[in-house]
Amino acid sequence: MDDNTTSDNRTDGPDVHPATAAVLRHFDYSHLPPHLAEVSKPFHDLAHRLVALTGPEVTTSLGKLIEAKDWAVRAAVVASRQ
């Protein structure tokens, strides 16, 4: 597998709630062209570090991080069109 996957074993392990694993799929960037994957990757990496934590704050932070990642990728799309 290449570096653009979410095959991090923290998403597949017994300690990760299935709902959390489902949210982590939104941080995959393997489908993006390189210039957008570069923007998305730091969000992916942070999301996978956050799953080591527990509590409702983690769920909230992952949701907010998805939103931030989406906006950052959108900004990169707009910038690439100019």
PDB file of N, CA and C in Angstrom:
ATOM      1  N   MET A   1       0.829  -1.190   0.000  1.00  0.00           N
ATOM      2  CA  MET A   1       0.000   0.000   0.000  1.00  0.00           C
ATOM      3  C   MET A   1       0.864   1.240   0.000  1.00  0.00           C
ATOM      4  N   ASP A   2       0.368   2.322  -0.635  1.00  0.00           N
ATOM      5  CA  ASP A   2       1.159   3.541  -0.643  1.00  0.00           C
ATOM      6  C   ASP A   2       0.876   4.372   0.601  1.00  0.00           C
ATOM      7  N   ASP A   3       1.547   5.517   0.692  1.00  0.00           N
ATOM      8  CA  ASP A   3       1.425   6.364   1.876  1.00  0.00           C
ATOM      9  C   ASP A   3       0.098   7.101   1.958  1.00  0.00           C
ATOM     10  N   ASN A   4      -0.733   7.046   0.932  1.00  0.00           N
ATOM     11  CA  ASN A   4      -1.964   7.823   0.889  1.00  0.00           C
ATOM     12  C   ASN A   4      -3.177   7.037   1.353  1.00  0.00           C
ATOM     13  N   THR A   5      -3.010   6.103   2.229  1.00  0.00           N
ATOM     14  CA  THR A   5      -4.130   5.311   2.703  1.00  0.00           C
ATOM     15  C   THR A   5      -4.357   5.569   4.179  1.00  0.00           C
ATOM     16  N   THR A   6      -5.462   5.071   4.660  1.00  0.00           N
ATOM     17  CA  THR A   6      -5.751   5.167   6.081  1.00  0.00           C
ATOM     18  C   THR A   6      -5.623   3.803   6.728  1.00  0.00           C
ATOM     19  N   SER A   7      -4.701   2.996   6.264  1.00  0.00           N
ATOM     20  CA  SER A   7      -4.564   1.642   6.792  1.00  0.00           C
ATOM     21  C   SER A   7      -3.822   1.602   8.117  1.00  0.00           C
ATOM     22  N   ASP A   8      -3.687   2.731   8.758  1.00  0.00           N
ATOM     23  CA  ASP A   8      -3.068   2.806  10.075  1.00  0.00           C
ATOM     24  C   ASP A   8      -3.759   1.793  10.987  1.00  0.00           C
ATOM     25  N   ASN A   9      -2.989   0.943  11.664  1.00  0.00           N
ATOM     26  CA  ASN A   9      -3.599  -0.118  12.449  1.00  0.00           C
ATOM     27  C   ASN A   9      -4.411   0.389  13.634  1.00  0.00           C
ATOM     28  N   ARG A  10      -4.310   1.649  13.989  1.00  0.00           N
ATOM     29  CA  ARG A  10      -5.159   2.186  15.051  1.00  0.00           C
ATOM     30  C   ARG A  10      -6.615   2.235  14.602  1.00  0.00           C
ATOM     31  N   THR A  11      -6.872   2.261  13.306  1.00  0.00           N
ATOM     32  CA  THR A  11      -8.250   2.291  12.828  1.00  0.00           C
ATOM     33  C   THR A  11      -8.851   0.903  12.795  1.00  0.00           C
ATOM     34  N   ASP A  12      -8.035  -0.134  12.832  1.00  0.00           N
ATOM     35  CA  ASP A  12      -8.519  -1.498  12.720  1.00  0.00           C
ATOM     36  C   ASP A  12      -8.455  -2.257  14.041  1.00  0.00           C
ATOM     37  N   GLY A  13      -7.809  -1.678  15.030  1.00  0.00           N
ATOM     38  CA  GLY A  13      -7.580  -2.379  16.281  1.00  0.00           C
ATOM     39  C   GLY A  13      -8.832  -2.492  17.126  1.00  0.00           C
ATOM     40  N   PRO A  14      -8.774  -3.360  18.125  1.00  0.00           N
ATOM     41  CA  PRO A  14      -9.939  -3.576  18.982  1.00  0.00           C
ATOM     42  C   PRO A  14     -10.261  -2.378  19.867  1.00  0.00           C
ATOM     43  N   ASP A  15      -9.320  -1.455  20.060  1.00  0.00           N
ATOM     44  CA  ASP A  15      -9.549  -0.314  20.936  1.00  0.00           C
ATOM     45  C   ASP A  15     -10.253   0.843  20.248  1.00  0.00           C
ATOM     46  N   VAL A  16     -10.412   0.783  18.938  1.00  0.00           N
ATOM     47  CA  VAL A  16     -11.055   1.864  18.206  1.00  0.00           C
ATOM     48  C   VAL A  16     -12.516   1.502  17.987  1.00  0.00           C
ATOM     49  N   HIS A  17     -13.375   2.363  18.475  1.00  0.00           N
ATOM     50  CA  HIS A  17     -14.815   2.156  18.314  1.00  0.00           C
ATOM     51  C   HIS A  17     -15.160   2.142  16.833  1.00  0.00           C
ATOM     52  N   PRO A  18     -16.072   1.282  16.398  1.00  0.00           N
ATOM     53  CA  PRO A  18     -16.437   1.229  14.976  1.00  0.00           C
ATOM     54  C   PRO A  18     -16.901   2.572  14.413  1.00  0.00           C
ATOM     55  N   ALA A  19     -17.587   3.366  15.216  1.00  0.00           N
ATOM     56  CA  ALA A  19     -18.027   4.680  14.748  1.00  0.00           C
ATOM     57  C   ALA A  19     -16.835   5.601  14.518  1.00  0.00           C
ATOM     58  N   THR A  20     -15.829   5.499  15.381  1.00  0.00           N
ATOM     59  CA  THR A  20     -14.615   6.303  15.207  1.00  0.00           C
ATOM     60  C   THR A  20     -13.876   5.872  13.958  1.00  0.00           C
ATOM     61  N   ALA A  21     -13.778   4.576  13.741  1.00  0.00           N
ATOM     62  CA  ALA A  21     -13.129   4.063  12.529  1.00  0.00           C
ATOM     63  C   ALA A  21     -13.862   4.569  11.285  1.00  0.00           C
ATOM     64  N   ALA A  22     -15.178   4.646  11.347  1.00  0.00           N
ATOM     65  CA  ALA A  22     -15.954   5.147  10.212  1.00  0.00           C
ATOM     66  C   ALA A  22     -15.652   6.618   9.954  1.00  0.00           C
ATOM     67  N   VAL A  23     -15.514   7.398  11.011  1.00  0.00           N
ATOM     68  CA  VAL A  23     -15.181   8.819  10.856  1.00  0.00           C
ATOM     69  C   VAL A  23     -13.786   8.972  10.252  1.00  0.00           C
ATOM     70  N   LEU A  24     -12.864   8.139  10.672  1.00  0.00           N
ATOM     71  CA  LEU A  24     -11.492   8.241  10.166  1.00  0.00           C
ATOM     72  C   LEU A  24     -11.414   8.035   8.656  1.00  0.00           C
ATOM     73  N   ARG A  25     -12.359   7.324   8.096  1.00  0.00           N
ATOM     74  CA  ARG A  25     -12.361   7.119   6.638  1.00  0.00           C
ATOM     75  C   ARG A  25     -12.499   8.436   5.879  1.00  0.00           C
ATOM     76  N   HIS A  26     -13.074   9.433   6.526  1.00  0.00           N
ATOM     77  CA  HIS A  26     -13.225  10.747   5.884  1.00  0.00           C
ATOM     78  C   HIS A  26     -11.895  11.488   5.740  1.00  0.00           C
ATOM     79  N   PHE A  27     -10.860  10.963   6.364  1.00  0.00           N
ATOM     80  CA  PHE A  27      -9.541  11.590   6.278  1.00  0.00           C
ATOM     81  C   PHE A  27      -8.643  10.935   5.230  1.00  0.00           C
ATOM     82  N   ASP A  28      -9.173   9.940   4.530  1.00  0.00           N
ATOM     83  CA  ASP A  28      -8.422   9.310   3.447  1.00  0.00           C
ATOM     84  C   ASP A  28      -8.163  10.347   2.353  1.00  0.00           C
ATOM     85  N   TYR A  29      -6.992  10.313   1.790  1.00  0.00           N
ATOM     86  CA  TYR A  29      -6.667  11.275   0.731  1.00  0.00           C
ATOM     87  C   TYR A  29      -6.075  10.591  -0.493  1.00  0.00           C
ATOM     88  N   SER A  30      -6.180   9.280  -0.566  1.00  0.00           N
ATOM     89  CA  SER A  30      -5.593   8.544  -1.681  1.00  0.00           C
ATOM     90  C   SER A  30      -6.264   8.866  -3.015  1.00  0.00           C
ATOM     91  N   HIS A  31      -7.489   9.355  -2.980  1.00  0.00           N
ATOM     92  CA  HIS A  31      -8.221   9.678  -4.202  1.00  0.00           C
ATOM     93  C   HIS A  31      -7.897  11.081  -4.730  1.00  0.00           C
ATOM     94  N   LEU A  32      -7.177  11.870  -3.963  1.00  0.00           N
ATOM     95  CA  LEU A  32      -6.916  13.260  -4.339  1.00  0.00           C
ATOM     96  C   LEU A  32      -5.675  13.383  -5.211  1.00  0.00           C
ATOM     97  N   PRO A  33      -5.665  14.390  -6.094  1.00  0.00           N
ATOM     98  CA  PRO A  33      -4.435  14.661  -6.837  1.00  0.00           C
ATOM     99  C   PRO A  33      -3.358  15.146  -5.854  1.00  0.00           C
ATOM    100  N   PRO A  34      -2.105  15.022  -6.230  1.00  0.00           N
ATOM    101  CA  PRO A  34      -1.005  15.326  -5.288  1.00  0.00           C
ATOM    102  C   PRO A  34      -1.088  16.688  -4.617  1.00  0.00           C
ATOM    103  N   HIS A  35      -1.462  17.739  -5.341  1.00  0.00           N
ATOM    104  CA  HIS A  35      -1.478  19.070  -4.730  1.00  0.00           C
ATOM    105  C   HIS A  35      -2.564  19.192  -3.654  1.00  0.00           C
ATOM    106  N   LEU A  36      -3.627  18.411  -3.760  1.00  0.00           N
ATOM    107  CA  LEU A  36      -4.663  18.431  -2.730  1.00  0.00           C
ATOM    108  C   LEU A  36      -4.351  17.429  -1.612  1.00  0.00           C
ATOM    109  N   ALA A  37      -3.734  16.327  -1.964  1.00  0.00           N
ATOM    110  CA  ALA A  37      -3.328  15.347  -0.950  1.00  0.00           C
ATOM    111  C   ALA A  37      -2.340  15.974   0.028  1.00  0.00           C
ATOM    112  N   GLU A  38      -1.478  16.837  -0.480  1.00  0.00           N
ATOM    113  CA  GLU A  38      -0.503  17.531   0.367  1.00  0.00           C
ATOM    114  C   GLU A  38      -1.197  18.384   1.424  1.00  0.00           C
ATOM    115  N   VAL A  39      -2.323  18.975   1.065  1.00  0.00           N
ATOM    116  CA  VAL A  39      -3.099  19.790   2.003  1.00  0.00           C
ATOM    117  C   VAL A  39      -3.836  18.889   2.994  1.00  0.00           C
ATOM    118  N   SER A  40      -4.369  17.792   2.523  1.00  0.00           N
ATOM    119  CA  SER A  40      -5.193  16.915   3.340  1.00  0.00           C
ATOM    120  C   SER A  40      -4.401  16.047   4.314  1.00  0.00           C
ATOM    121  N   LYS A  41      -3.189  15.683   3.962  1.00  0.00           N
ATOM    122  CA  LYS A  41      -2.396  14.739   4.759  1.00  0.00           C
ATOM    123  C   LYS A  41      -2.195  15.158   6.222  1.00  0.00           C
ATOM    124  N   PRO A  42      -1.866  16.416   6.518  1.00  0.00           N
ATOM    125  CA  PRO A  42      -1.696  16.777   7.939  1.00  0.00           C
ATOM    126  C   PRO A  42      -2.959  16.547   8.777  1.00  0.00           C
ATOM    127  N   PHE A  43      -4.126  16.734   8.181  1.00  0.00           N
ATOM    128  CA  PHE A  43      -5.385  16.488   8.887  1.00  0.00           C
ATOM    129  C   PHE A  43      -5.550  14.991   9.145  1.00  0.00           C
ATOM    130  N   HIS A  44      -5.217  14.183   8.152  1.00  0.00           N
ATOM    131  CA  HIS A  44      -5.237  12.724   8.293  1.00  0.00           C
ATOM    132  C   HIS A  44      -4.334  12.295   9.447  1.00  0.00           C
ATOM    133  N   ASP A  45      -3.122  12.823   9.446  1.00  0.00           N
ATOM    134  CA  ASP A  45      -2.154  12.432  10.466  1.00  0.00           C
ATOM    135  C   ASP A  45      -2.625  12.819  11.867  1.00  0.00           C
ATOM    136  N   LEU A  46      -3.159  14.024  12.013  1.00  0.00           N
ATOM    137  CA  LEU A  46      -3.650  14.465  13.309  1.00  0.00           C
ATOM    138  C   LEU A  46      -4.845  13.624  13.754  1.00  0.00           C
ATOM    139  N   ALA A  47      -5.754  13.332  12.856  1.00  0.00           N
ATOM    140  CA  ALA A  47      -6.921  12.512  13.202  1.00  0.00           C
ATOM    141  C   ALA A  47      -6.485  11.152  13.741  1.00  0.00           C
ATOM    142  N   HIS A  48      -5.490  10.570  13.110  1.00  0.00           N
ATOM    143  CA  HIS A  48      -5.027   9.261  13.553  1.00  0.00           C
ATOM    144  C   HIS A  48      -4.283   9.331  14.882  1.00  0.00           C
ATOM    145  N   ARG A  49      -3.704  10.465  15.199  1.00  0.00           N
ATOM    146  CA  ARG A  49      -3.097  10.627  16.532  1.00  0.00           C
ATOM    147  C   ARG A  49      -4.180  10.834  17.590  1.00  0.00           C
ATOM    148  N   LEU A  50      -5.246  11.519  17.226  1.00  0.00           N
ATOM    149  CA  LEU A  50      -6.311  11.801  18.194  1.00  0.00           C
ATOM    150  C   LEU A  50      -7.025  10.544  18.674  1.00  0.00           C
ATOM    151  N   VAL A  51      -7.092   9.509  17.842  1.00  0.00           N
ATOM    152  CA  VAL A  51      -7.829   8.316  18.261  1.00  0.00           C
ATOM    153  C   VAL A  51      -7.177   7.604  19.438  1.00  0.00           C
ATOM    154  N   ALA A  52      -5.957   7.963  19.757  1.00  0.00           N
ATOM    155  CA  ALA A  52      -5.317   7.391  20.940  1.00  0.00           C
ATOM    156  C   ALA A  52      -5.937   7.949  22.221  1.00  0.00           C
ATOM    157  N   LEU A  53      -6.635   9.066  22.105  1.00  0.00           N
ATOM    158  CA  LEU A  53      -7.311   9.682  23.241  1.00  0.00           C
ATOM    159  C   LEU A  53      -8.724   9.126  23.345  1.00  0.00           C
ATOM    160  N   THR A  54      -9.386   9.392  24.446  1.00  0.00           N
ATOM    161  CA  THR A  54     -10.755   8.916  24.616  1.00  0.00           C
ATOM    162  C   THR A  54     -11.643  10.045  25.096  1.00  0.00           C
ATOM    163  N   GLY A  55     -12.927   9.843  24.958  1.00  0.00           N
ATOM    164  CA  GLY A  55     -13.894  10.793  25.475  1.00  0.00           C
ATOM    165  C   GLY A  55     -14.666  11.506  24.385  1.00  0.00           C
ATOM    166  N   PRO A  56     -15.739  12.160  24.778  1.00  0.00           N
ATOM    167  CA  PRO A  56     -16.583  12.849  23.806  1.00  0.00           C
ATOM    168  C   PRO A  56     -15.855  13.991  23.107  1.00  0.00           C
ATOM    169  N   GLU A  57     -14.843  14.540  23.755  1.00  0.00           N
ATOM    170  CA  GLU A  57     -14.079  15.626  23.139  1.00  0.00           C
ATOM    171  C   GLU A  57     -13.356  15.137  21.883  1.00  0.00           C
ATOM    172  N   VAL A  58     -12.950  13.877  21.876  1.00  0.00           N
ATOM    173  CA  VAL A  58     -12.281  13.318  20.694  1.00  0.00           C
ATOM    174  C   VAL A  58     -13.260  13.255  19.530  1.00  0.00           C
ATOM    175  N   THR A  59     -14.470  12.793  19.795  1.00  0.00           N
ATOM    176  CA  THR A  59     -15.487  12.727  18.742  1.00  0.00           C
ATOM    177  C   THR A  59     -15.759  14.113  18.182  1.00  0.00           C
ATOM    178  N   THR A  60     -15.895  15.087  19.054  1.00  0.00           N
ATOM    179  CA  THR A  60     -16.138  16.464  18.624  1.00  0.00           C
ATOM    180  C   THR A  60     -14.956  16.999  17.843  1.00  0.00           C
ATOM    181  N   SER A  61     -13.752  16.739  18.326  1.00  0.00           N
ATOM    182  CA  SER A  61     -12.570  17.250  17.628  1.00  0.00           C
ATOM    183  C   SER A  61     -12.428  16.624  16.248  1.00  0.00           C
ATOM    184  N   LEU A  62     -12.748  15.348  16.111  1.00  0.00           N
ATOM    185  CA  LEU A  62     -12.682  14.712  14.793  1.00  0.00           C
ATOM    186  C   LEU A  62     -13.693  15.336  13.836  1.00  0.00           C
ATOM    187  N   GLY A  63     -14.877  15.637  14.336  1.00  0.00           N
ATOM    188  CA  GLY A  63     -15.884  16.292  13.502  1.00  0.00           C
ATOM    189  C   GLY A  63     -15.440  17.670  13.043  1.00  0.00           C
ATOM    190  N   LYS A  64     -14.879  18.435  13.964  1.00  0.00           N
ATOM    191  CA  LYS A  64     -14.382  19.769  13.610  1.00  0.00           C
ATOM    192  C   LYS A  64     -13.187  19.675  12.666  1.00  0.00           C
ATOM    193  N   LEU A  65     -12.357  18.657  12.869  1.00  0.00           N
ATOM    194  CA  LEU A  65     -11.190  18.472  12.012  1.00  0.00           C
ATOM    195  C   LEU A  65     -11.597  18.109  10.586  1.00  0.00           C
ATOM    196  N   ILE A  66     -12.661  17.311  10.441  1.00  0.00           N
ATOM    197  CA  ILE A  66     -13.185  17.013   9.096  1.00  0.00           C
ATOM    198  C   ILE A  66     -13.603  18.306   8.413  1.00  0.00           C
ATOM    199  N   GLU A  67     -14.316  19.137   9.144  1.00  0.00           N
ATOM    200  CA  GLU A  67     -14.775  20.409   8.583  1.00  0.00           C
ATOM    201  C   GLU A  67     -13.592  21.284   8.174  1.00  0.00           C
ATOM    202  N   ALA A  68     -12.591  21.375   9.032  1.00  0.00           N
ATOM    203  CA  ALA A  68     -11.409  22.185   8.715  1.00  0.00           C
ATOM    204  C   ALA A  68     -10.666  21.624   7.505  1.00  0.00           C
ATOM    205  N   LYS A  69     -10.537  20.304   7.447  1.00  0.00           N
ATOM    206  CA  LYS A  69      -9.867  19.665   6.303  1.00  0.00           C
ATOM    207  C   LYS A  69     -10.615  19.946   5.016  1.00  0.00           C
ATOM    208  N   ASP A  70     -11.943  19.818   5.050  1.00  0.00           N
ATOM    209  CA  ASP A  70     -12.742  20.079   3.851  1.00  0.00           C
ATOM    210  C   ASP A  70     -12.548  21.506   3.358  1.00  0.00           C
ATOM    211  N   TRP A  71     -12.558  22.465   4.266  1.00  0.00           N
ATOM    212  CA  TRP A  71     -12.372  23.863   3.864  1.00  0.00           C
ATOM    213  C   TRP A  71     -10.961  24.129   3.354  1.00  0.00           C
ATOM    214  N   ALA A  72      -9.976  23.502   3.967  1.00  0.00           N
ATOM    215  CA  ALA A  72      -8.597  23.683   3.506  1.00  0.00           C
ATOM    216  C   ALA A  72      -8.420  23.117   2.099  1.00  0.00           C
ATOM    217  N   VAL A  73      -9.004  21.961   1.841  1.00  0.00           N
ATOM    218  CA  VAL A  73      -8.917  21.376   0.497  1.00  0.00           C
ATOM    219  C   VAL A  73      -9.677  22.250  -0.501  1.00  0.00           C
ATOM    220  N   ARG A  74     -10.835  22.757  -0.111  1.00  0.00           N
ATOM    221  CA  ARG A  74     -11.576  23.665  -1.006  1.00  0.00           C
ATOM    222  C   ARG A  74     -10.750  24.908  -1.332  1.00  0.00           C
ATOM    223  N   ALA A  75     -10.084  25.444  -0.331  1.00  0.00           N
ATOM    224  CA  ALA A  75      -9.232  26.628  -0.559  1.00  0.00           C
ATOM    225  C   ALA A  75      -8.121  26.292  -1.536  1.00  0.00           C
ATOM    226  N   ALA A  76      -7.546  25.103  -1.423  1.00  0.00           N
ATOM    227  CA  ALA A  76      -6.488  24.707  -2.348  1.00  0.00           C
ATOM    228  C   ALA A  76      -7.028  24.519  -3.766  1.00  0.00           C
ATOM    229  N   VAL A  77      -8.253  24.032  -3.883  1.00  0.00           N
ATOM    230  CA  VAL A  77      -8.889  23.892  -5.204  1.00  0.00           C
ATOM    231  C   VAL A  77      -9.042  25.268  -5.837  1.00  0.00           C
ATOM    232  N   VAL A  78      -9.575  26.212  -5.076  1.00  0.00           N
ATOM    233  CA  VAL A  78      -9.772  27.576  -5.594  1.00  0.00           C
ATOM    234  C   VAL A  78      -8.430  28.178  -5.982  1.00  0.00           C
ATOM    235  N   ALA A  79      -7.428  28.035  -5.139  1.00  0.00           N
ATOM    236  CA  ALA A  79      -6.115  28.596  -5.418  1.00  0.00           C
ATOM    237  C   ALA A  79      -5.503  27.997  -6.683  1.00  0.00           C
ATOM    238  N   SER A  80      -5.748  26.713  -6.899  1.00  0.00           N
ATOM    239  CA  SER A  80      -5.163  26.066  -8.073  1.00  0.00           C
ATOM    240  C   SER A  80      -5.832  26.489  -9.374  1.00  0.00           C
ATOM    241  N   ARG A  81      -7.034  27.052  -9.274  1.00  0.00           N
ATOM    242  CA  ARG A  81      -7.773  27.517 -10.463  1.00  0.00           C
ATOM    243  C   ARG A  81      -7.424  28.948 -10.845  1.00  0.00           C
ATOM    244  N   GLN A  82      -6.752  29.653  -9.951  1.00  0.00           N
ATOM    245  CA  GLN A  82      -6.436  31.061 -10.219  1.00  0.00           C
ATOM    246  C   GLN A  82      -5.163  31.220 -10.993  1.00  0.00           C
TER     247      GLN A  82
END
